[in-house]
N, C-alpha and C. Protein backbone atom coordinates (compact mmCIF):
# COMPACT_ATOMS: atom_id res chain seq x y z
N MET A 1 108.87 105.74 126.93
CA MET A 1 109.85 106.15 126.62
C MET A 1 109.92 106.91 125.09
N GLN A 2 110.46 107.94 124.84
CA GLN A 2 110.69 108.51 123.39
C GLN A 2 111.91 107.64 122.68
N HIS A 3 111.59 107.48 121.43
CA HIS A 3 112.59 107.15 120.55
C HIS A 3 113.74 108.27 120.57
N MET A 4 115.30 107.88 120.80
CA MET A 4 116.22 108.61 120.40
C MET A 4 116.89 108.29 119.24
N PRO A 5 116.72 109.24 118.33
CA PRO A 5 117.01 109.18 117.02
C PRO A 5 118.94 108.83 117.09
N THR A 6 119.23 108.44 115.98
CA THR A 6 120.64 108.18 115.81
C THR A 6 121.31 109.07 114.94
N LYS A 7 122.40 109.22 114.83
CA LYS A 7 123.20 110.51 114.22
C LYS A 7 122.88 110.20 112.69
N GLU A 8 122.78 109.11 112.33
CA GLU A 8 122.36 109.03 111.04
C GLU A 8 121.01 109.22 110.33
N GLU A 9 120.02 109.00 111.61
CA GLU A 9 118.56 109.33 111.54
C GLU A 9 118.59 110.73 111.30
N ILE A 10 119.16 111.40 112.05
CA ILE A 10 119.14 112.70 112.18
C ILE A 10 119.54 113.35 111.11
N GLU A 11 120.79 112.92 110.51
CA GLU A 11 121.31 113.42 109.27
C GLU A 11 120.34 113.53 107.92
N ARG A 12 119.97 112.03 107.92
CA ARG A 12 118.92 111.59 106.91
C ARG A 12 117.67 112.55 106.86
N ASP A 13 117.19 112.58 107.91
CA ASP A 13 115.91 113.46 107.88
C ASP A 13 116.13 115.10 108.02
N TYR A 14 117.44 115.50 108.09
CA TYR A 14 118.07 116.84 107.89
C TYR A 14 117.89 117.05 106.45
N HIS A 15 118.84 116.02 105.61
CA HIS A 15 118.95 116.19 104.30
C HIS A 15 117.59 115.88 103.65
N ALA A 16 116.77 115.20 104.11
CA ALA A 16 115.20 114.85 103.16
C ALA A 16 114.54 116.18 103.23
N GLY A 17 114.56 116.96 104.59
CA GLY A 17 113.77 118.03 104.93
C GLY A 17 114.38 119.22 103.87
N TYR A 18 115.72 119.29 103.70
CA TYR A 18 116.46 120.63 103.21
C TYR A 18 116.28 120.44 101.45
N THR A 19 116.36 118.84 100.85
CA THR A 19 116.29 118.88 99.69
C THR A 19 114.67 118.75 99.17
N ARG A 20 113.85 118.31 100.04
CA ARG A 20 112.27 118.66 99.49
C ARG A 20 112.27 120.14 99.34
N VAL A 21 112.61 121.14 100.19
CA VAL A 21 112.22 122.39 99.95
C VAL A 21 113.29 123.06 98.84
N MET A 22 114.33 122.44 98.69
CA MET A 22 114.99 123.12 97.37
C MET A 22 114.53 122.33 95.89
N ARG A 23 113.89 121.20 96.07
CA ARG A 23 113.49 120.73 95.02
C ARG A 23 112.00 121.17 94.42
N PHE A 24 111.32 121.86 95.94
CA PHE A 24 110.25 122.57 95.31
C PHE A 24 110.58 124.06 95.01
N ALA A 25 111.57 124.58 95.50
CA ALA A 25 112.00 126.12 94.94
C ALA A 25 112.30 125.98 93.84
N GLU A 26 113.43 125.12 93.26
CA GLU A 26 113.43 124.55 91.62
C GLU A 26 112.41 124.42 90.76
N GLN A 27 111.22 123.80 91.02
CA GLN A 27 110.03 123.87 90.17
C GLN A 27 109.21 125.39 90.26
N ALA A 28 109.36 125.88 91.37
CA ALA A 28 108.29 127.34 91.42
C ALA A 28 109.30 128.10 90.64
N HIS A 29 110.73 128.32 90.57
CA HIS A 29 111.50 128.88 89.99
C HIS A 29 111.13 128.79 88.31
N ARG A 30 111.16 127.54 88.06
CA ARG A 30 111.08 127.55 86.73
C ARG A 30 109.63 127.71 86.13
N GLN A 31 108.38 128.06 87.06
CA GLN A 31 107.30 128.26 86.70
C GLN A 31 107.19 129.89 86.86
N GLY A 32 108.39 130.74 87.26
CA GLY A 32 108.42 131.97 87.26
C GLY A 32 107.80 132.30 88.66
N TRP A 33 107.68 131.56 90.00
CA TRP A 33 107.02 131.80 91.23
C TRP A 33 108.17 131.98 92.15
N HIS A 34 107.99 133.00 92.71
CA HIS A 34 109.10 133.22 93.90
C HIS A 34 108.15 133.74 95.40
N LEU A 35 108.81 133.72 96.36
CA LEU A 35 108.20 134.06 97.82
C LEU A 35 109.03 135.38 98.16
N THR A 36 108.05 136.19 98.78
CA THR A 36 109.12 137.35 99.02
C THR A 36 109.76 137.05 100.19
N GLU A 37 110.26 138.04 100.35
CA GLU A 37 111.43 137.92 101.72
C GLU A 37 110.50 137.79 103.17
N ARG A 38 109.32 138.75 102.91
CA ARG A 38 108.78 138.28 104.29
C ARG A 38 108.45 137.22 104.29
N GLN A 39 107.90 136.74 103.57
CA GLN A 39 106.92 134.85 103.31
C GLN A 39 108.24 133.93 103.49
N LEU A 40 109.50 134.25 103.46
CA LEU A 40 110.42 133.62 103.20
C LEU A 40 110.72 133.27 105.11
N VAL A 41 110.86 134.64 105.64
CA VAL A 41 111.04 134.93 106.72
C VAL A 41 110.15 134.18 107.81
N ARG A 42 108.99 134.29 107.38
CA ARG A 42 107.54 133.46 108.30
C ARG A 42 107.78 131.97 107.97
N GLU A 43 108.16 131.84 106.77
CA GLU A 43 108.28 130.07 106.65
C GLU A 43 109.11 129.55 107.56
N ILE A 44 110.26 130.39 107.55
CA ILE A 44 111.84 130.01 108.43
C ILE A 44 111.43 129.76 109.82
N THR A 45 110.68 130.94 110.28
CA THR A 45 110.30 131.17 111.56
C THR A 45 108.96 129.89 112.16
N HIS A 46 108.45 129.46 111.45
CA HIS A 46 107.52 128.46 111.51
C HIS A 46 108.20 127.15 111.63
N ARG A 47 109.01 126.83 110.74
CA ARG A 47 109.94 125.50 110.51
C ARG A 47 111.00 125.37 111.73
N GLU A 48 111.62 126.54 112.19
CA GLU A 48 112.25 126.66 113.74
C GLU A 48 111.38 126.25 114.89
N ARG A 49 109.89 126.94 114.69
CA ARG A 49 109.21 126.75 115.94
C ARG A 49 108.75 125.13 115.88
N ALA A 50 108.44 124.42 114.94
CA ALA A 50 107.97 123.29 114.64
C ALA A 50 109.07 122.10 115.36
N ALA A 51 110.43 122.52 114.70
CA ALA A 51 111.79 121.79 115.38
C ALA A 51 111.51 121.87 116.86
N GLN A 52 111.55 123.30 117.41
CA GLN A 52 111.39 123.64 118.79
C GLN A 52 110.52 122.87 119.32
N ILE A 53 109.47 122.89 119.11
CA ILE A 53 108.26 122.03 119.74
C ILE A 53 108.57 120.53 120.13
N ARG A 54 109.05 120.01 118.86
CA ARG A 54 109.45 118.72 118.68
C ARG A 54 110.44 118.22 119.69
N GLU A 55 111.37 118.99 119.46
CA GLU A 55 112.52 118.54 120.59
C GLU A 55 112.23 118.85 122.25
N LYS A 56 111.36 119.88 122.55
CA LYS A 56 111.13 119.95 123.85
C LYS A 56 109.98 119.19 124.48
N SER A 57 109.19 118.67 123.82
CA SER A 57 108.20 117.80 123.86
C SER A 57 108.36 116.56 124.67
N SER A 58 107.73 116.42 125.86
CA SER A 58 108.04 115.23 126.50
C SER A 58 107.07 114.14 126.35
N LEU A 59 105.95 114.20 125.10
CA LEU A 59 104.89 113.48 124.81
C LEU A 59 105.26 113.10 123.71
N PRO A 60 105.13 111.78 123.42
CA PRO A 60 105.30 111.31 121.96
C PRO A 60 104.53 111.96 121.21
N ILE A 61 105.07 112.29 120.31
CA ILE A 61 104.25 112.79 118.95
C ILE A 61 104.21 112.02 117.73
N VAL A 62 102.92 111.47 117.52
CA VAL A 62 102.51 110.21 116.25
C VAL A 62 101.74 110.84 115.33
N GLY A 63 101.73 110.06 114.34
CA GLY A 63 100.73 110.20 112.90
C GLY A 63 101.58 110.19 112.04
N PRO A 64 100.83 110.25 111.00
CA PRO A 64 101.39 110.10 109.51
C PRO A 64 102.19 111.05 108.83
N ASP A 65 102.07 112.29 109.19
CA ASP A 65 102.62 113.34 108.68
C ASP A 65 103.67 114.31 109.75
N VAL A 66 104.09 113.50 111.00
CA VAL A 66 104.82 113.85 112.01
C VAL A 66 106.35 113.82 111.44
N GLN A 67 107.21 114.69 111.54
CA GLN A 67 108.67 114.59 111.09
C GLN A 67 109.12 115.08 112.45
N SER A 68 110.39 114.69 112.07
CA SER A 68 111.21 115.19 113.36
C SER A 68 111.77 116.32 113.32
N ALA A 69 112.78 116.79 114.17
CA ALA A 69 113.29 118.30 114.35
C ALA A 69 114.15 118.36 113.48
N ALA A 70 114.98 117.42 113.29
CA ALA A 70 116.14 117.70 112.33
C ALA A 70 115.37 117.99 110.86
N TRP A 71 114.34 117.33 110.29
CA TRP A 71 113.78 117.51 109.40
C TRP A 71 113.00 119.03 109.16
N HIS A 72 112.51 119.49 110.14
CA HIS A 72 112.32 120.93 110.04
C HIS A 72 113.40 122.03 110.15
N HIS A 73 114.63 121.53 110.90
CA HIS A 73 115.75 122.14 110.74
C HIS A 73 116.33 122.33 109.37
N GLY A 74 116.19 121.19 108.77
CA GLY A 74 116.57 121.14 107.29
C GLY A 74 115.85 122.05 106.26
N GLN A 75 114.88 122.21 106.57
CA GLN A 75 113.72 122.68 105.93
C GLN A 75 114.12 124.39 106.09
N ALA A 76 114.36 124.78 107.61
CA ALA A 76 114.54 125.96 107.80
C ALA A 76 115.78 126.74 106.98
N ASP A 77 116.71 125.74 107.05
CA ASP A 77 118.16 126.05 106.45
C ASP A 77 117.92 126.21 104.93
N ALA A 78 117.11 125.33 104.09
CA ALA A 78 117.08 125.70 102.97
C ALA A 78 116.47 126.78 102.69
N LEU A 79 115.44 127.40 103.23
CA LEU A 79 114.68 128.65 103.12
C LEU A 79 115.71 129.81 103.35
N ARG A 80 116.81 129.40 104.21
CA ARG A 80 117.61 130.52 104.79
C ARG A 80 118.34 130.73 103.45
N THR A 81 118.79 129.61 102.60
CA THR A 81 119.75 129.79 101.77
C THR A 81 118.95 130.21 100.16
N ILE A 82 117.70 130.00 100.19
CA ILE A 82 116.80 130.74 98.98
C ILE A 82 116.62 132.05 99.52
N LEU A 83 116.77 132.56 100.70
CA LEU A 83 116.59 134.14 100.99
C LEU A 83 117.83 134.58 100.80
N ARG A 84 119.00 133.96 101.14
CA ARG A 84 120.26 134.60 100.77
C ARG A 84 120.34 134.81 99.34
N GLU A 85 120.16 133.70 98.46
CA GLU A 85 120.35 133.88 97.02
C GLU A 85 119.40 135.00 96.38
N GLN A 86 118.08 135.14 97.17
CA GLN A 86 117.41 136.20 96.54
C GLN A 86 117.90 137.55 96.77
N ARG A 87 118.56 137.64 98.12
CA ARG A 87 119.09 138.84 98.54
C ARG A 87 120.35 139.24 97.45
N GLU A 88 121.24 138.28 97.05
CA GLU A 88 122.35 138.32 96.09
C GLU A 88 121.85 138.66 94.78
N LYS A 89 120.88 138.28 94.47
CA LYS A 89 120.31 138.91 92.88
C LYS A 89 119.89 139.92 93.17
N GLU A 90 119.48 140.80 94.27
CA GLU A 90 118.93 141.91 94.12
C GLU A 90 119.75 143.34 94.11
């Protein structure tokens, strides 16, 4: 039987995913890097797909780099924030 995460675990994972992307974006911005709109949309799609797979899977997914659906949703939302900010600057 799969472990059902608590609300606190979901919020923690979501925040961890969001923070990781925003921290990376800040570092990239300081170095003058940026992703194109197309790259951001592609990454958002990948993160949402990974979250969907994680949510719908009836098999346990284990391993050292396996993240929760909430973590992937957090990353996707951070990427959406970056995309929105880039569009506002243009």
